[in-house]
Each structure stands twice: as C-alpha cells, then as structure tokens.
Amino acid sequence: MEKSRTIADIDAEIQAVKAELADVHGDETEVYARIVGYYRAVQNWNKGKLDEFRRRTMFDISSFSAAHDAAVPDTAAVQDAAVAVAAAPGAKSFSAALARYELFTRPGCPHCPPVRDYMAASSLSGTEINVDQKEGLDLAAERGVFATPTVIFYNADGQETARAHNADELDAVLGSGSKAIA
C-alpha cells in the first residue's frame, strides 16, 4: 500500500521546488528584432532604441515620384500611338499576319480537345503534333514546348509570332470574332 502524504509533507515539497527554481542559472534570452535585423538580449531590449531612432532616415516622397514619372511613359500617348498604327491605311490585324500553326497535343490530355476543335474551326492551316511519339517529342524539345496543349503561330516568313495554351489565349491571339468552340 501506498503511504498517504500529509499536508506538511506537500508544503515541504513545494518549498523545496521553489528553492530550486530561485537558484536557476542559465544563458540570457535573446529575441530577434525584425526592425533592427539582429538578435538582442531581452535585458537590453530598449538599449540602443533611442540611438536607432535618432539615426533613422526620412525619405522625401516627392523626389521618388519625380523619378518614377520620368521612367513611366504617358499611357495616353501610348494608346494614341496604338490607335494611329491600327487606323493607318493598309495596316493588317495581328490575326491576318498569321500564316500557319503547330498544335502540340497528347492523346490523354484533358485540355487538348477544346483547343483542337478551336483550331480545326479556324481558317488557319496547321499541323497537329503528338508529343507521345519520338518525332513529336523531339520537335517539342526543339521548339521549347513544355506543356500540352500548346499552339505556336507562325507568320508568312516562318517566324514564331505567338503561343497559346487554351481557348481564352487563342481568343486573344486570333481575336474574339474567330471563336468557334471554347
């Protein structure tokens, strides 16, 4: 059987534990200060704060905004230039400059059928390349294709002009008027 403890025994144990806790010697605690960027002992937490406050740098926002305004072009001027180019006589639309496309797909790709249908309904001529075959994989590596579906558009000179990966991107490249199946 277990011996029962008396209240005097419990009080004696409490006093012994309090004496041990009062005589603890360890390392000083440090806390990382995000503001100053280094560890500082808790006992010295406020030392140096006044000096840091005196050495703080005040920034003049007007000097930054003047430099920023000089670096950013006027958006109205850019839009006016784009409208002038689009309205110029003999100017072709971007989609009219496209001559052909290459569509990189895989048989198990869940996103490929909508893109395949979209391109089949478009007026552009192109080829569909299966990247699961060796020739298709080599061609995809040569062209830098890392995901399916990928449509690469070429102009009449054979230069790559755009890439698209889904119906929304195809709308952006070909224009919303040529939307077939999304």
N, C-alpha and C. Protein backbone atom coordinates (compact mmCIF):
# COMPACT_ATOMS: atom_id res chain seq x y z
N MET A 1 0.80 -1.17 0.00
CA MET A 1 0.00 0.00 0.00
C MET A 1 0.85 1.24 0.00
N GLU A 2 0.28 2.22 -0.57
CA GLU A 2 0.99 3.48 -0.68
C GLU A 2 0.77 4.30 0.58
N LYS A 3 1.84 4.91 1.02
CA LYS A 3 1.77 5.74 2.22
C LYS A 3 1.11 7.06 1.86
N SER A 4 0.17 7.50 2.62
CA SER A 4 -0.50 8.76 2.33
C SER A 4 0.36 9.92 2.81
N ARG A 5 0.29 10.98 2.03
CA ARG A 5 1.10 12.17 2.36
C ARG A 5 0.26 13.13 3.18
N THR A 6 0.94 13.80 4.05
CA THR A 6 0.25 14.79 4.86
C THR A 6 0.43 16.16 4.23
N ILE A 7 -0.32 17.10 4.71
CA ILE A 7 -0.23 18.47 4.19
C ILE A 7 1.14 19.06 4.49
N ALA A 8 1.72 18.70 5.59
CA ALA A 8 3.06 19.19 5.94
C ALA A 8 4.09 18.66 4.95
N ASP A 9 3.95 17.40 4.52
CA ASP A 9 4.87 16.84 3.52
C ASP A 9 4.74 17.58 2.18
N ILE A 10 3.52 17.86 1.77
CA ILE A 10 3.27 18.56 0.50
C ILE A 10 3.85 19.97 0.56
N ASP A 11 3.65 20.68 1.68
CA ASP A 11 4.20 22.02 1.83
C ASP A 11 5.73 22.00 1.78
N ALA A 12 6.33 20.97 2.36
CA ALA A 12 7.80 20.85 2.34
C ALA A 12 8.30 20.63 0.91
N GLU A 13 7.59 19.82 0.13
CA GLU A 13 7.98 19.59 -1.28
C GLU A 13 7.84 20.88 -2.09
N ILE A 14 6.78 21.63 -1.84
CA ILE A 14 6.58 22.89 -2.56
C ILE A 14 7.71 23.86 -2.24
N GLN A 15 8.11 23.97 -0.97
CA GLN A 15 9.20 24.86 -0.59
C GLN A 15 10.51 24.43 -1.23
N ALA A 16 10.76 23.13 -1.34
CA ALA A 16 11.99 22.63 -1.96
C ALA A 16 12.03 22.97 -3.45
N VAL A 17 10.91 22.82 -4.13
CA VAL A 17 10.84 23.16 -5.57
C VAL A 17 11.02 24.66 -5.77
N LYS A 18 10.41 25.48 -4.92
CA LYS A 18 10.58 26.93 -5.02
C LYS A 18 12.03 27.33 -4.82
N ALA A 19 12.73 26.68 -3.91
CA ALA A 19 14.14 26.97 -3.67
C ALA A 19 14.98 26.60 -4.89
N GLU A 20 14.68 25.48 -5.54
CA GLU A 20 15.41 25.08 -6.75
C GLU A 20 15.18 26.08 -7.88
N LEU A 21 13.93 26.52 -8.04
CA LEU A 21 13.61 27.47 -9.11
C LEU A 21 14.23 28.84 -8.86
N ALA A 22 14.41 29.22 -7.61
CA ALA A 22 15.01 30.51 -7.30
C ALA A 22 16.51 30.51 -7.58
N ASP A 23 17.11 29.35 -7.66
CA ASP A 23 18.56 29.25 -7.85
C ASP A 23 18.91 28.72 -9.26
N VAL A 24 18.14 29.10 -10.27
CA VAL A 24 18.40 28.64 -11.64
C VAL A 24 19.38 29.59 -12.30
N HIS A 25 20.43 29.04 -12.89
CA HIS A 25 21.41 29.84 -13.62
C HIS A 25 21.48 29.29 -15.05
N GLY A 26 21.26 30.15 -16.04
CA GLY A 26 21.31 29.71 -17.44
C GLY A 26 21.79 30.83 -18.32
N ASP A 27 21.63 30.66 -19.61
CA ASP A 27 22.03 31.68 -20.57
C ASP A 27 20.97 32.76 -20.64
N GLU A 28 21.41 33.95 -21.04
CA GLU A 28 20.45 35.02 -21.18
C GLU A 28 19.62 34.79 -22.45
N THR A 29 18.40 35.20 -22.40
CA THR A 29 17.48 35.01 -23.51
C THR A 29 17.65 36.13 -24.51
N GLU A 30 17.69 35.75 -25.80
CA GLU A 30 17.78 36.74 -26.86
C GLU A 30 16.54 36.64 -27.72
N VAL A 31 16.13 37.75 -28.26
CA VAL A 31 14.97 37.81 -29.12
C VAL A 31 15.39 38.48 -30.41
N TYR A 32 14.95 37.93 -31.54
CA TYR A 32 15.27 38.52 -32.84
C TYR A 32 14.33 39.69 -33.08
N ALA A 33 14.90 40.83 -33.37
CA ALA A 33 14.10 42.02 -33.64
C ALA A 33 14.01 42.21 -35.14
N ARG A 34 12.80 42.13 -35.68
CA ARG A 34 12.63 42.28 -37.12
C ARG A 34 13.00 43.68 -37.58
N ILE A 35 12.78 44.66 -36.75
CA ILE A 35 13.02 46.04 -37.16
C ILE A 35 14.50 46.32 -37.35
N VAL A 36 15.32 45.89 -36.40
CA VAL A 36 16.75 46.19 -36.50
C VAL A 36 17.52 45.08 -37.19
N GLY A 37 16.96 43.87 -37.25
CA GLY A 37 17.56 42.81 -38.03
C GLY A 37 18.62 41.99 -37.34
N TYR A 38 18.67 41.98 -36.01
CA TYR A 38 19.63 41.14 -35.32
C TYR A 38 19.05 40.75 -33.96
N TYR A 39 19.72 39.78 -33.32
CA TYR A 39 19.27 39.33 -32.01
C TYR A 39 19.73 40.30 -30.93
N ARG A 40 18.89 40.49 -29.94
CA ARG A 40 19.19 41.42 -28.86
C ARG A 40 18.72 40.76 -27.57
N ALA A 41 19.55 40.84 -26.53
CA ALA A 41 19.18 40.26 -25.24
C ALA A 41 17.95 40.96 -24.70
N VAL A 42 17.09 40.19 -24.07
CA VAL A 42 15.86 40.76 -23.53
C VAL A 42 16.17 41.81 -22.47
N GLN A 43 17.21 41.59 -21.66
CA GLN A 43 17.54 42.56 -20.62
C GLN A 43 18.02 43.88 -21.22
N ASN A 44 18.53 43.84 -22.46
CA ASN A 44 18.98 45.06 -23.14
C ASN A 44 18.01 45.48 -24.25
N TRP A 45 16.78 45.10 -24.11
CA TRP A 45 15.83 45.29 -25.21
C TRP A 45 15.72 46.76 -25.63
N ASN A 46 15.63 47.66 -24.69
CA ASN A 46 15.43 49.06 -25.04
C ASN A 46 16.72 49.84 -25.22
N LYS A 47 17.87 49.23 -24.91
CA LYS A 47 19.13 49.94 -25.08
C LYS A 47 19.41 50.07 -26.57
N GLY A 48 19.74 51.25 -26.99
CA GLY A 48 20.06 51.49 -28.39
C GLY A 48 18.87 51.90 -29.23
N LYS A 49 17.67 51.77 -28.70
CA LYS A 49 16.49 52.15 -29.47
C LYS A 49 16.47 53.66 -29.72
N LEU A 50 16.85 54.44 -28.74
CA LEU A 50 16.85 55.88 -28.90
C LEU A 50 17.87 56.30 -29.96
N ASP A 51 19.04 55.65 -29.94
CA ASP A 51 20.06 55.95 -30.94
C ASP A 51 19.58 55.56 -32.33
N GLU A 52 18.93 54.41 -32.46
CA GLU A 52 18.39 54.00 -33.75
C GLU A 52 17.34 54.99 -34.23
N PHE A 53 16.52 55.49 -33.31
CA PHE A 53 15.51 56.46 -33.67
C PHE A 53 16.15 57.75 -34.17
N ARG A 54 17.23 58.18 -33.53
CA ARG A 54 17.91 59.41 -33.96
C ARG A 54 18.57 59.24 -35.33
N ARG A 55 19.06 58.02 -35.63
CA ARG A 55 19.76 57.80 -36.89
C ARG A 55 18.84 57.36 -38.03
N ARG A 56 17.54 57.37 -37.82
CA ARG A 56 16.63 56.92 -38.87
C ARG A 56 16.71 57.84 -40.08
N THR A 57 16.39 57.30 -41.23
CA THR A 57 16.43 58.07 -42.47
C THR A 57 15.01 58.42 -42.88
N MET A 58 14.78 59.67 -43.13
CA MET A 58 13.48 60.11 -43.59
C MET A 58 13.54 60.25 -45.11
N PHE A 59 12.57 59.69 -45.79
CA PHE A 59 12.54 59.73 -47.24
C PHE A 59 11.57 60.80 -47.71
N ASP A 60 11.98 61.48 -48.78
CA ASP A 60 11.14 62.52 -49.37
C ASP A 60 10.42 61.90 -50.56
N ILE A 61 9.12 61.72 -50.45
CA ILE A 61 8.36 61.04 -51.48
C ILE A 61 8.33 61.83 -52.79
N SER A 62 8.47 63.14 -52.72
CA SER A 62 8.42 63.94 -53.95
C SER A 62 9.61 63.63 -54.86
N SER A 63 10.78 63.34 -54.29
CA SER A 63 11.92 63.01 -55.14
C SER A 63 11.72 61.66 -55.81
N PHE A 64 11.05 60.72 -55.12
CA PHE A 64 10.79 59.42 -55.73
C PHE A 64 9.73 59.52 -56.81
N SER A 65 8.68 60.31 -56.58
CA SER A 65 7.61 60.39 -57.58
C SER A 65 8.10 61.09 -58.83
N ALA A 66 9.02 62.05 -58.72
CA ALA A 66 9.56 62.71 -59.91
C ALA A 66 10.39 61.74 -60.74
N ALA A 67 11.19 60.91 -60.08
CA ALA A 67 11.98 59.92 -60.80
C ALA A 67 11.08 58.86 -61.42
N HIS A 68 10.01 58.50 -60.72
CA HIS A 68 9.08 57.49 -61.22
C HIS A 68 8.33 58.01 -62.44
N ASP A 69 7.88 59.27 -62.39
CA ASP A 69 7.15 59.85 -63.51
C ASP A 69 8.01 59.93 -64.76
N ALA A 70 9.30 60.17 -64.59
CA ALA A 70 10.19 60.25 -65.74
C ALA A 70 10.41 58.87 -66.36
N ALA A 71 10.35 57.81 -65.56
CA ALA A 71 10.61 56.46 -66.06
C ALA A 71 9.39 55.84 -66.72
N VAL A 72 8.18 56.23 -66.32
CA VAL A 72 6.96 55.63 -66.84
C VAL A 72 6.44 56.47 -68.00
N PRO A 73 6.21 55.85 -69.17
CA PRO A 73 5.69 56.62 -70.30
C PRO A 73 4.23 57.01 -70.06
N ASP A 74 3.82 58.06 -70.73
CA ASP A 74 2.45 58.53 -70.63
C ASP A 74 1.54 57.51 -71.30
N THR A 75 0.57 56.97 -70.55
CA THR A 75 -0.29 55.91 -71.10
C THR A 75 -1.19 56.45 -72.21
N ALA A 76 -1.61 57.69 -72.11
CA ALA A 76 -2.46 58.25 -73.16
C ALA A 76 -1.69 58.34 -74.47
N ALA A 77 -0.42 58.72 -74.40
CA ALA A 77 0.40 58.80 -75.62
C ALA A 77 0.61 57.43 -76.23
N VAL A 78 0.80 56.42 -75.40
CA VAL A 78 0.99 55.06 -75.90
C VAL A 78 -0.29 54.57 -76.56
N GLN A 79 -1.45 54.83 -75.95
CA GLN A 79 -2.72 54.40 -76.53
C GLN A 79 -2.98 55.13 -77.84
N ASP A 80 -2.68 56.44 -77.90
CA ASP A 80 -2.87 57.19 -79.14
C ASP A 80 -2.00 56.64 -80.25
N ALA A 81 -0.76 56.25 -79.92
CA ALA A 81 0.13 55.68 -80.93
C ALA A 81 -0.40 54.35 -81.43
N ALA A 82 -0.95 53.53 -80.53
CA ALA A 82 -1.50 52.23 -80.94
C ALA A 82 -2.72 52.41 -81.83
N VAL A 83 -3.58 53.39 -81.53
CA VAL A 83 -4.75 53.65 -82.36
C VAL A 83 -4.31 54.16 -83.73
N ALA A 84 -3.28 55.00 -83.76
CA ALA A 84 -2.79 55.53 -85.03
C ALA A 84 -2.23 54.42 -85.91
N VAL A 85 -1.53 53.48 -85.33
CA VAL A 85 -0.98 52.36 -86.10
C VAL A 85 -2.10 51.48 -86.62
N ALA A 86 -3.11 51.22 -85.77
CA ALA A 86 -4.22 50.36 -86.18
C ALA A 86 -5.07 51.01 -87.25
N ALA A 87 -5.18 52.34 -87.22
CA ALA A 87 -6.02 53.04 -88.18
C ALA A 87 -5.26 53.42 -89.45
N ALA A 88 -3.98 53.14 -89.50
CA ALA A 88 -3.19 53.50 -90.68
C ALA A 88 -3.68 52.72 -91.89
N PRO A 89 -3.69 53.35 -93.09
CA PRO A 89 -4.15 52.64 -94.28
C PRO A 89 -3.21 51.47 -94.59
N GLY A 90 -3.79 50.34 -94.91
CA GLY A 90 -3.00 49.16 -95.27
C GLY A 90 -2.49 48.40 -94.07
N ALA A 91 -2.88 48.78 -92.86
CA ALA A 91 -2.42 48.06 -91.68
C ALA A 91 -3.19 46.76 -91.55
N LYS A 92 -2.46 45.66 -91.32
CA LYS A 92 -3.09 44.36 -91.16
C LYS A 92 -3.35 44.11 -89.68
N SER A 93 -4.39 43.37 -89.38
CA SER A 93 -4.60 42.98 -88.00
C SER A 93 -3.60 41.89 -87.66
N PHE A 94 -3.41 41.63 -86.38
CA PHE A 94 -2.43 40.64 -85.96
C PHE A 94 -2.81 39.26 -86.47
N SER A 95 -4.10 38.92 -86.38
CA SER A 95 -4.53 37.59 -86.81
C SER A 95 -4.39 37.43 -88.32
N ALA A 96 -4.47 38.52 -89.09
CA ALA A 96 -4.30 38.42 -90.54
C ALA A 96 -2.84 38.14 -90.89
N ALA A 97 -1.90 38.49 -90.01
CA ALA A 97 -0.48 38.26 -90.27
C ALA A 97 -0.08 36.81 -90.01
N LEU A 98 -0.96 36.03 -89.37
CA LEU A 98 -0.64 34.64 -89.08
C LEU A 98 -0.84 33.78 -90.32
N ALA A 99 0.14 32.90 -90.59
CA ALA A 99 0.05 32.06 -91.78
C ALA A 99 -0.27 30.61 -91.44
N ARG A 100 0.34 30.08 -90.37
CA ARG A 100 0.12 28.67 -90.03
C ARG A 100 0.36 28.47 -88.54
N TYR A 101 0.04 27.25 -88.09
CA TYR A 101 0.24 26.94 -86.67
C TYR A 101 0.71 25.51 -86.52
N GLU A 102 1.29 25.23 -85.36
CA GLU A 102 1.62 23.87 -84.94
C GLU A 102 0.94 23.66 -83.59
N LEU A 103 0.17 22.57 -83.48
CA LEU A 103 -0.54 22.24 -82.26
C LEU A 103 0.09 21.01 -81.63
N PHE A 104 0.66 21.16 -80.44
CA PHE A 104 1.30 20.06 -79.73
C PHE A 104 0.29 19.48 -78.73
N THR A 105 -0.03 18.18 -78.90
CA THR A 105 -1.03 17.53 -78.06
C THR A 105 -0.55 16.16 -77.60
N ARG A 106 -1.35 15.56 -76.72
CA ARG A 106 -1.15 14.17 -76.28
C ARG A 106 -2.52 13.51 -76.30
N PRO A 107 -2.59 12.22 -76.54
CA PRO A 107 -3.89 11.54 -76.56
C PRO A 107 -4.61 11.59 -75.20
N GLY A 108 -3.90 11.54 -74.10
CA GLY A 108 -4.52 11.53 -72.78
C GLY A 108 -4.72 12.90 -72.17
N CYS A 109 -4.45 13.95 -72.91
CA CYS A 109 -4.53 15.32 -72.39
C CYS A 109 -5.99 15.75 -72.26
N PRO A 110 -6.46 16.13 -71.06
CA PRO A 110 -7.86 16.53 -70.90
C PRO A 110 -8.17 17.91 -71.47
N HIS A 111 -7.16 18.75 -71.64
CA HIS A 111 -7.38 20.11 -72.13
C HIS A 111 -7.16 20.23 -73.64
N CYS A 112 -6.72 19.17 -74.27
CA CYS A 112 -6.41 19.23 -75.70
C CYS A 112 -7.63 19.27 -76.61
N PRO A 113 -8.71 18.51 -76.37
CA PRO A 113 -9.84 18.52 -77.31
C PRO A 113 -10.46 19.89 -77.56
N PRO A 114 -10.69 20.75 -76.56
CA PRO A 114 -11.25 22.07 -76.89
C PRO A 114 -10.31 22.90 -77.77
N VAL A 115 -9.02 22.82 -77.50
CA VAL A 115 -8.06 23.59 -78.31
C VAL A 115 -8.00 23.00 -79.71
N ARG A 116 -8.02 21.67 -79.82
CA ARG A 116 -8.01 21.01 -81.13
C ARG A 116 -9.24 21.41 -81.94
N ASP A 117 -10.42 21.41 -81.32
CA ASP A 117 -11.65 21.81 -82.01
C ASP A 117 -11.61 23.28 -82.41
N TYR A 118 -11.09 24.12 -81.55
CA TYR A 118 -10.98 25.55 -81.83
C TYR A 118 -10.12 25.78 -83.07
N MET A 119 -8.97 25.10 -83.11
CA MET A 119 -8.05 25.30 -84.24
C MET A 119 -8.61 24.67 -85.52
N ALA A 120 -9.36 23.58 -85.40
CA ALA A 120 -9.97 22.96 -86.59
C ALA A 120 -11.01 23.90 -87.19
N ALA A 121 -11.70 24.67 -86.35
CA ALA A 121 -12.72 25.59 -86.84
C ALA A 121 -12.12 26.90 -87.35
N SER A 122 -10.86 27.15 -87.08
CA SER A 122 -10.24 28.40 -87.55
C SER A 122 -9.87 28.27 -89.03
N SER A 123 -9.60 29.40 -89.64
CA SER A 123 -9.27 29.41 -91.07
C SER A 123 -7.79 29.18 -91.34
N LEU A 124 -6.99 29.04 -90.31
CA LEU A 124 -5.54 28.84 -90.49
C LEU A 124 -5.24 27.38 -90.82
N SER A 125 -4.19 27.18 -91.61
CA SER A 125 -3.73 25.83 -91.86
C SER A 125 -2.67 25.50 -90.82
N GLY A 126 -2.62 24.23 -90.44
CA GLY A 126 -1.65 23.86 -89.43
C GLY A 126 -1.52 22.37 -89.29
N THR A 127 -0.61 21.97 -88.42
CA THR A 127 -0.37 20.55 -88.18
C THR A 127 -0.54 20.26 -86.69
N GLU A 128 -1.01 19.04 -86.42
CA GLU A 128 -1.12 18.58 -85.04
C GLU A 128 0.01 17.61 -84.80
N ILE A 129 0.75 17.83 -83.72
CA ILE A 129 1.93 17.02 -83.42
C ILE A 129 1.69 16.30 -82.10
N ASN A 130 1.81 14.97 -82.12
CA ASN A 130 1.63 14.14 -80.94
C ASN A 130 2.98 14.03 -80.23
N VAL A 131 3.07 14.57 -79.03
CA VAL A 131 4.34 14.57 -78.32
C VAL A 131 4.64 13.23 -77.64
N ASP A 132 3.70 12.29 -77.70
CA ASP A 132 3.97 10.95 -77.17
C ASP A 132 4.81 10.13 -78.14
N GLN A 133 4.90 10.55 -79.39
CA GLN A 133 5.75 9.87 -80.36
C GLN A 133 7.13 10.51 -80.34
N LYS A 134 8.14 9.75 -80.73
CA LYS A 134 9.53 10.22 -80.66
C LYS A 134 9.75 11.47 -81.50
N GLU A 135 9.22 11.47 -82.74
CA GLU A 135 9.41 12.65 -83.61
C GLU A 135 8.75 13.89 -83.01
N GLY A 136 7.54 13.70 -82.46
CA GLY A 136 6.83 14.81 -81.84
C GLY A 136 7.53 15.33 -80.60
N LEU A 137 8.08 14.42 -79.81
CA LEU A 137 8.81 14.82 -78.60
C LEU A 137 10.07 15.58 -78.96
N ASP A 138 10.78 15.11 -79.99
CA ASP A 138 11.99 15.81 -80.44
C ASP A 138 11.65 17.21 -80.94
N LEU A 139 10.56 17.33 -81.71
CA LEU A 139 10.15 18.63 -82.24
C LEU A 139 9.71 19.56 -81.10
N ALA A 140 9.01 19.01 -80.11
CA ALA A 140 8.59 19.82 -78.96
C ALA A 140 9.80 20.32 -78.18
N ALA A 141 10.81 19.46 -78.00
CA ALA A 141 12.02 19.88 -77.30
C ALA A 141 12.75 20.96 -78.10
N GLU A 142 12.78 20.81 -79.41
CA GLU A 142 13.44 21.80 -80.26
C GLU A 142 12.74 23.15 -80.19
N ARG A 143 11.40 23.14 -80.09
CA ARG A 143 10.62 24.37 -80.06
C ARG A 143 10.44 24.93 -78.65
N GLY A 144 10.88 24.19 -77.63
CA GLY A 144 10.74 24.67 -76.25
C GLY A 144 9.33 24.52 -75.72
N VAL A 145 8.62 23.49 -76.12
CA VAL A 145 7.26 23.24 -75.65
C VAL A 145 7.35 22.33 -74.43
N PHE A 146 6.80 22.79 -73.31
CA PHE A 146 6.88 22.04 -72.06
C PHE A 146 5.53 21.53 -71.58
N ALA A 147 4.43 21.93 -72.21
CA ALA A 147 3.10 21.53 -71.76
C ALA A 147 2.19 21.36 -72.96
N THR A 148 1.19 20.50 -72.79
CA THR A 148 0.18 20.35 -73.83
C THR A 148 -1.15 20.82 -73.26
N PRO A 149 -2.00 21.40 -74.04
CA PRO A 149 -1.81 21.76 -75.44
C PRO A 149 -1.03 23.07 -75.57
N THR A 150 -0.24 23.16 -76.61
CA THR A 150 0.46 24.39 -76.95
C THR A 150 0.30 24.62 -78.45
N VAL A 151 -0.15 25.81 -78.80
CA VAL A 151 -0.28 26.19 -80.21
C VAL A 151 0.75 27.26 -80.47
N ILE A 152 1.61 27.01 -81.47
CA ILE A 152 2.62 28.01 -81.88
C ILE A 152 2.18 28.56 -83.22
N PHE A 153 2.06 29.88 -83.30
CA PHE A 153 1.65 30.55 -84.53
C PHE A 153 2.88 31.09 -85.24
N TYR A 154 2.87 30.98 -86.57
CA TYR A 154 3.97 31.47 -87.40
C TYR A 154 3.42 32.45 -88.43
N ASN A 155 4.25 33.44 -88.80
CA ASN A 155 3.85 34.36 -89.86
C ASN A 155 4.28 33.80 -91.21
N ALA A 156 4.09 34.57 -92.28
CA ALA A 156 4.42 34.10 -93.63
C ALA A 156 5.91 33.86 -93.79
N ASP A 157 6.75 34.53 -93.00
CA ASP A 157 8.20 34.35 -93.09
C ASP A 157 8.67 33.13 -92.30
N GLY A 158 7.76 32.46 -91.59
CA GLY A 158 8.13 31.29 -90.80
C GLY A 158 8.63 31.63 -89.41
N GLN A 159 8.47 32.86 -88.98
CA GLN A 159 8.90 33.26 -87.64
C GLN A 159 7.75 33.07 -86.65
N GLU A 160 8.10 32.61 -85.45
CA GLU A 160 7.09 32.43 -84.41
C GLU A 160 6.58 33.79 -83.98
N THR A 161 5.25 33.93 -83.94
CA THR A 161 4.65 35.21 -83.55
C THR A 161 3.90 35.14 -82.24
N ALA A 162 3.38 33.95 -81.87
CA ALA A 162 2.62 33.86 -80.62
C ALA A 162 2.51 32.40 -80.19
N ARG A 163 2.16 32.22 -78.91
CA ARG A 163 1.87 30.90 -78.35
C ARG A 163 0.59 31.00 -77.54
N ALA A 164 -0.18 29.92 -77.55
CA ALA A 164 -1.41 29.87 -76.77
C ALA A 164 -1.56 28.47 -76.19
N HIS A 165 -2.22 28.39 -75.03
CA HIS A 165 -2.38 27.10 -74.35
C HIS A 165 -3.82 26.73 -74.07
N ASN A 166 -4.76 27.67 -74.26
CA ASN A 166 -6.17 27.37 -74.02
C ASN A 166 -7.03 28.27 -74.90
N ALA A 167 -8.35 28.09 -74.83
CA ALA A 167 -9.26 28.82 -75.71
C ALA A 167 -9.23 30.33 -75.44
N ASP A 168 -9.07 30.72 -74.19
CA ASP A 168 -9.01 32.16 -73.88
C ASP A 168 -7.79 32.80 -74.51
N GLU A 169 -6.65 32.12 -74.45
CA GLU A 169 -5.44 32.66 -75.07
C GLU A 169 -5.57 32.66 -76.59
N LEU A 170 -6.26 31.66 -77.14
CA LEU A 170 -6.50 31.63 -78.58
C LEU A 170 -7.37 32.81 -79.00
N ASP A 171 -8.37 33.15 -78.17
CA ASP A 171 -9.20 34.33 -78.45
C ASP A 171 -8.35 35.59 -78.48
N ALA A 172 -7.40 35.68 -77.56
CA ALA A 172 -6.55 36.87 -77.51
C ALA A 172 -5.66 36.96 -78.75
N VAL A 173 -5.18 35.82 -79.23
CA VAL A 173 -4.29 35.83 -80.39
C VAL A 173 -5.07 36.00 -81.68
N LEU A 174 -6.14 35.24 -81.85
CA LEU A 174 -6.87 35.25 -83.11
C LEU A 174 -7.98 36.29 -83.15
N GLY A 175 -8.36 36.82 -82.03
CA GLY A 175 -9.45 37.78 -81.99
C GLY A 175 -10.74 37.06 -81.64
N SER A 176 -11.65 37.76 -80.97
CA SER A 176 -12.88 37.11 -80.50
C SER A 176 -13.82 36.76 -81.64
N GLY A 177 -13.63 37.34 -82.81
CA GLY A 177 -14.51 37.05 -83.95
C GLY A 177 -14.32 35.64 -84.48
N SER A 178 -13.17 35.03 -84.22
CA SER A 178 -12.91 33.70 -84.75
C SER A 178 -13.17 32.61 -83.73
N LYS A 179 -13.85 32.94 -82.64
CA LYS A 179 -14.11 31.95 -81.60
C LYS A 179 -15.09 30.91 -82.13
N ALA A 180 -14.69 29.67 -82.04
CA ALA A 180 -15.54 28.60 -82.54
C ALA A 180 -16.12 27.79 -81.38
N ILE A 181 -15.26 27.05 -80.71
CA ILE A 181 -15.68 26.21 -79.60
C ILE A 181 -14.76 26.49 -78.43
N ALA A 182 -15.34 26.81 -77.30
CA ALA A 182 -14.48 27.12 -76.15
C ALA A 182 -14.53 26.05 -75.12
